[in-house]
Every structure is written in C-alpha cells, then in structure tokens.
Amino acid sequence: MHDTASYLPQLLAAYIGYVLAVLSPGPAVFAIIGTSMTHGRKAGLTIALGIFAGSFTWACAATLGLAALLQTYAIALEILKIMGGLYLLYLAIKAFRAARQKDELPTVLATGRTLTTKALFLRGYAIHITNPKAIFAWLALITLGTPKDAPASVMLVFVGGCMLLGLSAFIGYALVFSTGGAVRIYKNLRRWIEGTMAAFYALAGIRLLTSRI
C-alpha cells in the first residue's frame, strides 16, 4: 500500500487526463447521447456498457503490452482504422436517413422495431474497439500514471480507477439524456438532432480514414 501511495501524484494526473478524455465529445459519447434520446434509457445504458467494454478491452491491451505489438505490425492498425472509419460512415448514413423522415419519431420507434439489447451492446463495443486512437490514449495515460519502475499494484489501481470513472461517466450520459426533458427536446428537434448526428459521424469517419496512425 505504501508503494502505491507514493505514486499518488502521477495517478491523480492520469485520472484527470482520463476524465477529460471521457468527457470530451467523440463518437462514443455522441452514440450514448443519441441512443438515449432516441431509444430511451435502457438502450442508452446498453450501448454505454458496450462502449465501456471496448474501453476495458483497450485498457487490457495496453496493460499487457499488446499495444506495442500492434505498433510493430502497422498493417493491423491500418486495417482497424479503415474498419472504424467505414463503420462511422455507416452510422452517418443511418442517421441521415432518420433525419429525412417526416414523422415525429423515427420509424423504428413508431413501430417498436428497436435494436435488440445484443445489437446495441455490440454497436457500442464496435464504435470504441475500431478506434485505434483509443489505444494510443491508453498508452499515454499509462505512461503518465505508472512509470516503468512502478509495481504491478499501481497498474491495477490505475486501470481500476479509470474503469470506475469511465463507467460512471458513460452511465451518467445515458441517464441524463434519457430523461423526460431530453426526450421532449428530441421530439421537437428530432430532424435537426439526427442531422447533426449524421454530420458528426461522417466527419469523424472521414477524419479517421484520412488520419495518419
């Protein structure tokens, strides 16, 4: 415990960096907000858990040194980048089609044909796991929070703390944006919100496809 406590300043700095990264707008955050407003609280919480699972996967990869392996085989990151960019463009097309509907609510909501829990979870997981930039963010945070001479206990405290912070933030987004007030705003501004989602996903997808890893 004493060894871990001595690394507290580095851990706090890394935690702050992680919170800022989680709270900053991105495909994952936007997916939780959009899903919570359009499909309700349960759907928002489900996709949030999928995104959390993706974050946990990257955290484990960085902790176990798989990130260094991915950097050695650059083609793997390139394939991942292309998959992530195309998936974001696919989500942009779906949001654009929803924005073109003249109904007050999208067809999937009006007819009750919502995505299954499994599909929502996998969508959240895919959004996060196909973003190769996430692995570099974890590498930077681990370097910041756990120096090379740090014991394994420090790594566990760091990853565990980040996971708790991430889960709280993702669930918080789902709870806030699935409230009655948020749903009323969505009903009044549905086409604008869906259009904004389409533009955001499209720009994020294009940026990911054209970025250099």
C-alpha atoms as a PDB file:
ATOM      1  CA  MET A   1       0.000   0.000   0.000  1.00  0.00           C
ATOM      2  CA  HIS A   2       2.858   2.367   0.837  1.00  0.00           C
ATOM      3  CA  ASP A   3       4.406   1.777  -2.601  1.00  0.00           C
ATOM      4  CA  THR A   4       1.096   2.583  -4.289  1.00  0.00           C
ATOM      5  CA  ALA A   5       0.547   5.721  -2.196  1.00  0.00           C
ATOM      6  CA  SER A   6       3.926   7.082  -3.277  1.00  0.00           C
ATOM      7  CA  TYR A   7       2.660   7.154  -6.880  1.00  0.00           C
ATOM      8  CA  LEU A   8      -0.489   9.083  -5.964  1.00  0.00           C
ATOM      9  CA  PRO A   9       0.528  12.353  -7.728  1.00  0.00           C
ATOM     10  CA  GLN A  10       1.101  10.507 -11.023  1.00  0.00           C
ATOM     11  CA  LEU A  11      -2.142   8.564 -10.605  1.00  0.00           C
ATOM     12  CA  LEU A  12      -4.158  11.718  -9.953  1.00  0.00           C
ATOM     13  CA  ALA A  13      -2.692  13.402 -13.029  1.00  0.00           C
ATOM     14  CA  ALA A  14      -3.544  10.365 -15.151  1.00  0.00           C
ATOM     15  CA  TYR A  15      -7.072  10.207 -13.710  1.00  0.00           C
ATOM     16  CA  ILE A  16      -7.648  13.848 -14.616  1.00  0.00           C
ATOM     17  CA  GLY A  17      -6.413  13.156 -18.131  1.00  0.00           C
ATOM     18  CA  TYR A  18      -8.743  10.177 -18.427  1.00  0.00           C
ATOM     19  CA  VAL A  19     -11.780  12.134 -17.204  1.00  0.00           C
ATOM     20  CA  LEU A  20     -11.074  14.904 -19.701  1.00  0.00           C
ATOM     21  CA  ALA A  21     -10.788  12.330 -22.480  1.00  0.00           C
ATOM     22  CA  VAL A  22     -14.043  10.619 -21.480  1.00  0.00           C
ATOM     23  CA  LEU A  23     -15.997  13.865 -21.166  1.00  0.00           C
ATOM     24  CA  SER A  24     -14.756  15.345 -24.438  1.00  0.00           C
ATOM     25  CA  PRO A  25     -17.199  14.927 -27.360  1.00  0.00           C
ATOM     26  CA  GLY A  26     -16.405  11.946 -29.550  1.00  0.00           C
ATOM     27  CA  PRO A  27     -18.123   9.083 -31.404  1.00  0.00           C
ATOM     28  CA  ALA A  28     -18.628   7.098 -28.196  1.00  0.00           C
ATOM     29  CA  VAL A  29     -20.145   9.958 -26.194  1.00  0.00           C
ATOM     30  CA  PHE A  30     -22.298  11.032 -29.124  1.00  0.00           C
ATOM     31  CA  ALA A  31     -23.551   7.461 -29.569  1.00  0.00           C
ATOM     32  CA  ILE A  32     -24.680   7.284 -25.939  1.00  0.00           C
ATOM     33  CA  ILE A  33     -26.396  10.667 -26.098  1.00  0.00           C
ATOM     34  CA  GLY A  34     -28.121   9.964 -29.406  1.00  0.00           C
ATOM     35  CA  THR A  35     -29.245   6.469 -28.429  1.00  0.00           C
ATOM     36  CA  SER A  36     -30.556   7.600 -25.031  1.00  0.00           C
ATOM     37  CA  MET A  37     -32.625  10.367 -26.589  1.00  0.00           C
ATOM     38  CA  THR A  38     -33.974   8.318 -29.482  1.00  0.00           C
ATOM     39  CA  HIS A  39     -34.438   4.858 -27.961  1.00  0.00           C
ATOM     40  CA  GLY A  40     -34.745   5.502 -24.241  1.00  0.00           C
ATOM     41  CA  ARG A  41     -32.857   4.818 -21.041  1.00  0.00           C
ATOM     42  CA  LYS A  42     -32.427   1.057 -21.371  1.00  0.00           C
ATOM     43  CA  ALA A  43     -30.974   1.391 -24.868  1.00  0.00           C
ATOM     44  CA  GLY A  44     -28.688   4.210 -23.749  1.00  0.00           C
ATOM     45  CA  LEU A  45     -27.401   2.186 -20.815  1.00  0.00           C
ATOM     46  CA  THR A  46     -26.861  -0.842 -23.060  1.00  0.00           C
ATOM     47  CA  ILE A  47     -24.774   0.989 -25.643  1.00  0.00           C
ATOM     48  CA  ALA A  48     -22.903   2.689 -22.781  1.00  0.00           C
ATOM     49  CA  LEU A  49     -21.967  -0.728 -21.398  1.00  0.00           C
ATOM     50  CA  GLY A  50     -20.797  -1.785 -24.857  1.00  0.00           C
ATOM     51  CA  ILE A  51     -18.569   1.281 -25.091  1.00  0.00           C
ATOM     52  CA  PHE A  52     -17.279   0.592 -21.588  1.00  0.00           C
ATOM     53  CA  ALA A  53     -16.431  -2.974 -22.648  1.00  0.00           C
ATOM     54  CA  GLY A  54     -14.490  -1.591 -25.608  1.00  0.00           C
ATOM     55  CA  SER A  55     -12.590   0.770 -23.327  1.00  0.00           C
ATOM     56  CA  PHE A  56     -11.809  -2.097 -20.967  1.00  0.00           C
ATOM     57  CA  THR A  57     -10.515  -4.164 -23.892  1.00  0.00           C
ATOM     58  CA  TRP A  58      -8.113  -1.412 -24.935  1.00  0.00           C
ATOM     59  CA  ALA A  59      -7.047  -0.922 -21.320  1.00  0.00           C
ATOM     60  CA  CYS A  60      -6.160  -4.607 -21.045  1.00  0.00           C
ATOM     61  CA  ALA A  61      -4.340  -4.480 -24.388  1.00  0.00           C
ATOM     62  CA  ALA A  62      -2.231  -1.535 -23.280  1.00  0.00           C
ATOM     63  CA  THR A  63      -1.550  -3.096 -19.882  1.00  0.00           C
ATOM     64  CA  LEU A  64      -0.486  -6.449 -21.335  1.00  0.00           C
ATOM     65  CA  GLY A  65       1.787  -4.857 -23.919  1.00  0.00           C
ATOM     66  CA  LEU A  66      -0.363  -5.725 -26.922  1.00  0.00           C
ATOM     67  CA  ALA A  67      -0.250  -2.072 -27.965  1.00  0.00           C
ATOM     68  CA  ALA A  68       3.478  -2.365 -28.667  1.00  0.00           C
ATOM     69  CA  LEU A  69       2.746  -5.419 -30.804  1.00  0.00           C
ATOM     70  CA  LEU A  70       0.127  -3.511 -32.787  1.00  0.00           C
ATOM     71  CA  GLN A  71       2.579  -0.681 -33.380  1.00  0.00           C
ATOM     72  CA  THR A  72       5.140  -3.192 -34.665  1.00  0.00           C
ATOM     73  CA  TYR A  73       2.636  -4.567 -37.155  1.00  0.00           C
ATOM     74  CA  ALA A  74       1.370  -1.279 -38.539  1.00  0.00           C
ATOM     75  CA  ILE A  75      -0.871  -3.028 -41.069  1.00  0.00           C
ATOM     76  CA  ALA A  76      -3.095  -4.224 -38.203  1.00  0.00           C
ATOM     77  CA  LEU A  77      -3.704  -0.653 -37.072  1.00  0.00           C
ATOM     78  CA  GLU A  78      -4.336   0.440 -40.652  1.00  0.00           C
ATOM     79  CA  ILE A  79      -6.989  -2.264 -41.074  1.00  0.00           C
ATOM     80  CA  LEU A  80      -8.537  -1.281 -37.758  1.00  0.00           C
ATOM     81  CA  LYS A  81      -8.548   2.365 -38.776  1.00  0.00           C
ATOM     82  CA  ILE A  82     -10.305   1.607 -42.065  1.00  0.00           C
ATOM     83  CA  MET A  83     -12.896  -0.572 -40.337  1.00  0.00           C
ATOM     84  CA  GLY A  84     -13.590   2.136 -37.776  1.00  0.00           C
ATOM     85  CA  GLY A  85     -13.899   4.870 -40.391  1.00  0.00           C
ATOM     86  CA  LEU A  86     -16.279   2.836 -42.545  1.00  0.00           C
ATOM     87  CA  TYR A  87     -18.397   1.934 -39.532  1.00  0.00           C
ATOM     88  CA  LEU A  88     -18.758   5.592 -38.566  1.00  0.00           C
ATOM     89  CA  LEU A  89     -19.803   6.415 -42.133  1.00  0.00           C
ATOM     90  CA  TYR A  90     -22.386   3.632 -41.933  1.00  0.00           C
ATOM     91  CA  LEU A  91     -23.806   5.215 -38.762  1.00  0.00           C
ATOM     92  CA  ALA A  92     -23.825   8.593 -40.552  1.00  0.00           C
ATOM     93  CA  ILE A  93     -25.948   7.154 -43.363  1.00  0.00           C
ATOM     94  CA  LYS A  94     -28.419   5.656 -40.884  1.00  0.00           C
ATOM     95  CA  ALA A  95     -28.723   8.967 -39.019  1.00  0.00           C
ATOM     96  CA  PHE A  96     -29.145  10.865 -42.307  1.00  0.00           C
ATOM     97  CA  ARG A  97     -31.975   8.572 -43.361  1.00  0.00           C
ATOM     98  CA  ALA A  98     -33.669   9.085 -39.985  1.00  0.00           C
ATOM     99  CA  ALA A  99     -33.319  12.856 -40.375  1.00  0.00           C
ATOM    100  CA  ARG A 100     -35.123  12.719 -43.725  1.00  0.00           C
ATOM    101  CA  GLN A 101     -38.198  11.079 -42.216  1.00  0.00           C
ATOM    102  CA  LYS A 102     -41.082  13.478 -41.733  1.00  0.00           C
ATOM    103  CA  ASP A 103     -42.624  11.575 -38.839  1.00  0.00           C
ATOM    104  CA  GLU A 104     -42.313  12.995 -35.342  1.00  0.00           C
ATOM    105  CA  LEU A 105     -40.341   9.897 -34.369  1.00  0.00           C
ATOM    106  CA  PRO A 106     -38.152   7.614 -36.478  1.00  0.00           C
ATOM    107  CA  THR A 107     -39.904   4.598 -37.961  1.00  0.00           C
ATOM    108  CA  VAL A 108     -38.053   2.163 -35.709  1.00  0.00           C
ATOM    109  CA  LEU A 109     -39.526   3.918 -32.677  1.00  0.00           C
ATOM    110  CA  ALA A 110     -43.000   4.384 -34.062  1.00  0.00           C
ATOM    111  CA  THR A 111     -43.348   0.713 -34.961  1.00  0.00           C
ATOM    112  CA  GLY A 112     -41.489  -0.607 -31.933  1.00  0.00           C
ATOM    113  CA  ARG A 113     -38.787  -2.286 -34.042  1.00  0.00           C
ATOM    114  CA  THR A 114     -35.925  -1.106 -31.903  1.00  0.00           C
ATOM    115  CA  LEU A 115     -32.487  -2.624 -31.857  1.00  0.00           C
ATOM    116  CA  THR A 116     -32.041  -5.660 -29.651  1.00  0.00           C
ATOM    117  CA  THR A 117     -30.010  -5.433 -26.457  1.00  0.00           C
ATOM    118  CA  LYS A 118     -27.279  -7.533 -28.040  1.00  0.00           C
ATOM    119  CA  ALA A 119     -27.180  -5.346 -31.158  1.00  0.00           C
ATOM    120  CA  LEU A 120     -26.934  -2.164 -29.080  1.00  0.00           C
ATOM    121  CA  PHE A 121     -24.167  -3.595 -26.914  1.00  0.00           C
ATOM    122  CA  LEU A 122     -22.199  -4.727 -29.957  1.00  0.00           C
ATOM    123  CA  ARG A 123     -22.692  -1.350 -31.629  1.00  0.00           C
ATOM    124  CA  GLY A 124     -21.188   0.401 -28.619  1.00  0.00           C
ATOM    125  CA  TYR A 125     -18.339  -2.095 -28.477  1.00  0.00           C
ATOM    126  CA  ALA A 126     -17.645  -1.729 -32.208  1.00  0.00           C
ATOM    127  CA  ILE A 127     -17.597   2.078 -32.029  1.00  0.00           C
ATOM    128  CA  HIS A 128     -14.860   2.015 -29.398  1.00  0.00           C
ATOM    129  CA  ILE A 129     -12.863  -1.045 -30.400  1.00  0.00           C
ATOM    130  CA  THR A 130     -12.491   0.063 -34.029  1.00  0.00           C
ATOM    131  CA  ASN A 131     -10.955   3.382 -32.996  1.00  0.00           C
ATOM    132  CA  PRO A 132      -7.178   2.795 -32.948  1.00  0.00           C
ATOM    133  CA  LYS A 133      -6.637   6.209 -31.384  1.00  0.00           C
ATOM    134  CA  ALA A 134      -8.073   4.800 -28.159  1.00  0.00           C
ATOM    135  CA  ILE A 135      -5.071   2.508 -27.716  1.00  0.00           C
ATOM    136  CA  PHE A 136      -2.675   5.451 -28.014  1.00  0.00           C
ATOM    137  CA  ALA A 137      -4.704   7.394 -25.458  1.00  0.00           C
ATOM    138  CA  TRP A 138      -4.387   4.485 -23.039  1.00  0.00           C
ATOM    139  CA  LEU A 139      -0.663   4.209 -23.730  1.00  0.00           C
ATOM    140  CA  ALA A 140      -0.201   7.901 -22.940  1.00  0.00           C
ATOM    141  CA  LEU A 141      -2.256   7.655 -19.754  1.00  0.00           C
ATOM    142  CA  ILE A 142      -0.459   4.515 -18.554  1.00  0.00           C
ATOM    143  CA  THR A 143       2.897   6.176 -19.198  1.00  0.00           C
ATOM    144  CA  LEU A 144       1.726   9.204 -17.240  1.00  0.00           C
ATOM    145  CA  GLY A 145       0.213   7.307 -14.323  1.00  0.00           C
ATOM    146  CA  THR A 146       2.539   4.336 -13.981  1.00  0.00           C
ATOM    147  CA  PRO A 147       6.288   4.921 -14.527  1.00  0.00           C
ATOM    148  CA  LYS A 148       8.463   1.997 -15.602  1.00  0.00           C
ATOM    149  CA  ASP A 149       9.590   1.228 -12.059  1.00  0.00           C
ATOM    150  CA  ALA A 150       6.039   1.157 -10.673  1.00  0.00           C
ATOM    151  CA  PRO A 151       4.882  -2.135  -9.098  1.00  0.00           C
ATOM    152  CA  ALA A 152       2.007  -4.119 -10.553  1.00  0.00           C
ATOM    153  CA  SER A 153      -0.300  -2.893  -7.799  1.00  0.00           C
ATOM    154  CA  VAL A 154      -0.038   0.655  -9.163  1.00  0.00           C
ATOM    155  CA  MET A 155      -1.108  -0.529 -12.603  1.00  0.00           C
ATOM    156  CA  LEU A 156      -4.113  -2.307 -11.099  1.00  0.00           C
ATOM    157  CA  VAL A 157      -5.108   0.785  -9.121  1.00  0.00           C
ATOM    158  CA  PHE A 158      -4.752   2.950 -12.201  1.00  0.00           C
ATOM    159  CA  VAL A 159      -6.775   0.743 -14.550  1.00  0.00           C
ATOM    160  CA  GLY A 160      -9.388   0.004 -11.883  1.00  0.00           C
ATOM    161  CA  GLY A 161      -9.828   3.679 -11.084  1.00  0.00           C
ATOM    162  CA  CYS A 162     -10.151   4.618 -14.744  1.00  0.00           C
ATOM    163  CA  MET A 163     -12.730   1.891 -15.289  1.00  0.00           C
ATOM    164  CA  LEU A 164     -14.841   3.179 -12.408  1.00  0.00           C
ATOM    165  CA  LEU A 165     -14.599   6.736 -13.701  1.00  0.00           C
ATOM    166  CA  GLY A 166     -15.414   5.656 -17.247  1.00  0.00           C
ATOM    167  CA  LEU A 167     -18.389   3.528 -16.237  1.00  0.00           C
ATOM    168  CA  SER A 168     -19.770   6.363 -14.107  1.00  0.00           C
ATOM    169  CA  ALA A 169     -19.412   8.863 -16.959  1.00  0.00           C
ATOM    170  CA  PHE A 170     -20.944   6.611 -19.618  1.00  0.00           C
ATOM    171  CA  ILE A 171     -23.901   5.652 -17.421  1.00  0.00           C
ATOM    172  CA  GLY A 172     -24.300   9.289 -16.392  1.00  0.00           C
ATOM    173  CA  TYR A 173     -24.648  10.355 -20.030  1.00  0.00           C
ATOM    174  CA  ALA A 174     -27.300   7.680 -20.604  1.00  0.00           C
ATOM    175  CA  LEU A 175     -29.280   8.650 -17.502  1.00  0.00           C
ATOM    176  CA  VAL A 176     -29.203  12.395 -18.151  1.00  0.00           C
ATOM    177  CA  PHE A 177     -30.087  12.254 -21.837  1.00  0.00           C
ATOM    178  CA  SER A 178     -32.914   9.745 -21.390  1.00  0.00           C
ATOM    179  CA  THR A 179     -34.903  11.997 -19.049  1.00  0.00           C
ATOM    180  CA  GLY A 180     -38.324  13.343 -19.977  1.00  0.00           C
ATOM    181  CA  GLY A 181     -36.884  16.770 -20.702  1.00  0.00           C
ATOM    182  CA  ALA A 182     -34.270  15.378 -23.054  1.00  0.00           C
ATOM    183  CA  VAL A 183     -36.868  13.256 -24.859  1.00  0.00           C
ATOM    184  CA  ARG A 184     -39.158  16.285 -25.308  1.00  0.00           C
ATOM    185  CA  ILE A 185     -36.260  18.246 -26.775  1.00  0.00           C
ATOM    186  CA  TYR A 186     -35.587  15.359 -29.120  1.00  0.00           C
ATOM    187  CA  LYS A 187     -39.222  15.198 -30.252  1.00  0.00           C
ATOM    188  CA  ASN A 188     -39.224  18.925 -31.026  1.00  0.00           C
ATOM    189  CA  LEU A 189     -35.831  18.972 -32.736  1.00  0.00           C
ATOM    190  CA  ARG A 190     -35.635  15.393 -33.999  1.00  0.00           C
ATOM    191  CA  ARG A 191     -34.622  16.107 -37.591  1.00  0.00           C
ATOM    192  CA  TRP A 192     -32.011  18.660 -36.527  1.00  0.00           C
ATOM    193  CA  ILE A 193     -30.553  16.279 -33.945  1.00  0.00           C
ATOM    194  CA  GLU A 194     -30.447  13.364 -36.379  1.00  0.00           C
ATOM    195  CA  GLY A 195     -28.882  15.635 -38.994  1.00  0.00           C
ATOM    196  CA  THR A 196     -26.235  16.758 -36.524  1.00  0.00           C
ATOM    197  CA  MET A 197     -25.528  13.132 -35.625  1.00  0.00           C
ATOM    198  CA  ALA A 198     -25.167  12.277 -39.318  1.00  0.00           C
ATOM    199  CA  ALA A 199     -22.737  15.145 -39.888  1.00  0.00           C
ATOM    200  CA  PHE A 200     -20.742  14.292 -36.763  1.00  0.00           C
ATOM    201  CA  TYR A 201     -20.380  10.606 -37.648  1.00  0.00           C
ATOM    202  CA  ALA A 202     -19.489  11.462 -41.234  1.00  0.00           C
ATOM    203  CA  LEU A 203     -16.776  13.926 -40.215  1.00  0.00           C
ATOM    204  CA  ALA A 204     -15.419  11.544 -37.585  1.00  0.00           C
ATOM    205  CA  GLY A 205     -15.333   8.695 -40.106  1.00  0.00           C
ATOM    206  CA  ILE A 206     -13.594  10.766 -42.767  1.00  0.00           C
ATOM    207  CA  ARG A 207     -11.120  12.111 -40.226  1.00  0.00           C
ATOM    208  CA  LEU A 208     -10.301   8.599 -39.051  1.00  0.00           C
ATOM    209  CA  LEU A 209      -9.888   7.283 -42.607  1.00  0.00           C
ATOM    210  CA  THR A 210      -7.605  10.157 -43.627  1.00  0.00           C
ATOM    211  CA  SER A 211      -5.587  10.352 -40.395  1.00  0.00           C
ATOM    212  CA  ARG A 212      -2.080   9.006 -40.040  1.00  0.00           C
ATOM    213  CA  ILE A 213      -1.536   6.402 -37.311  1.00  0.00           C
END
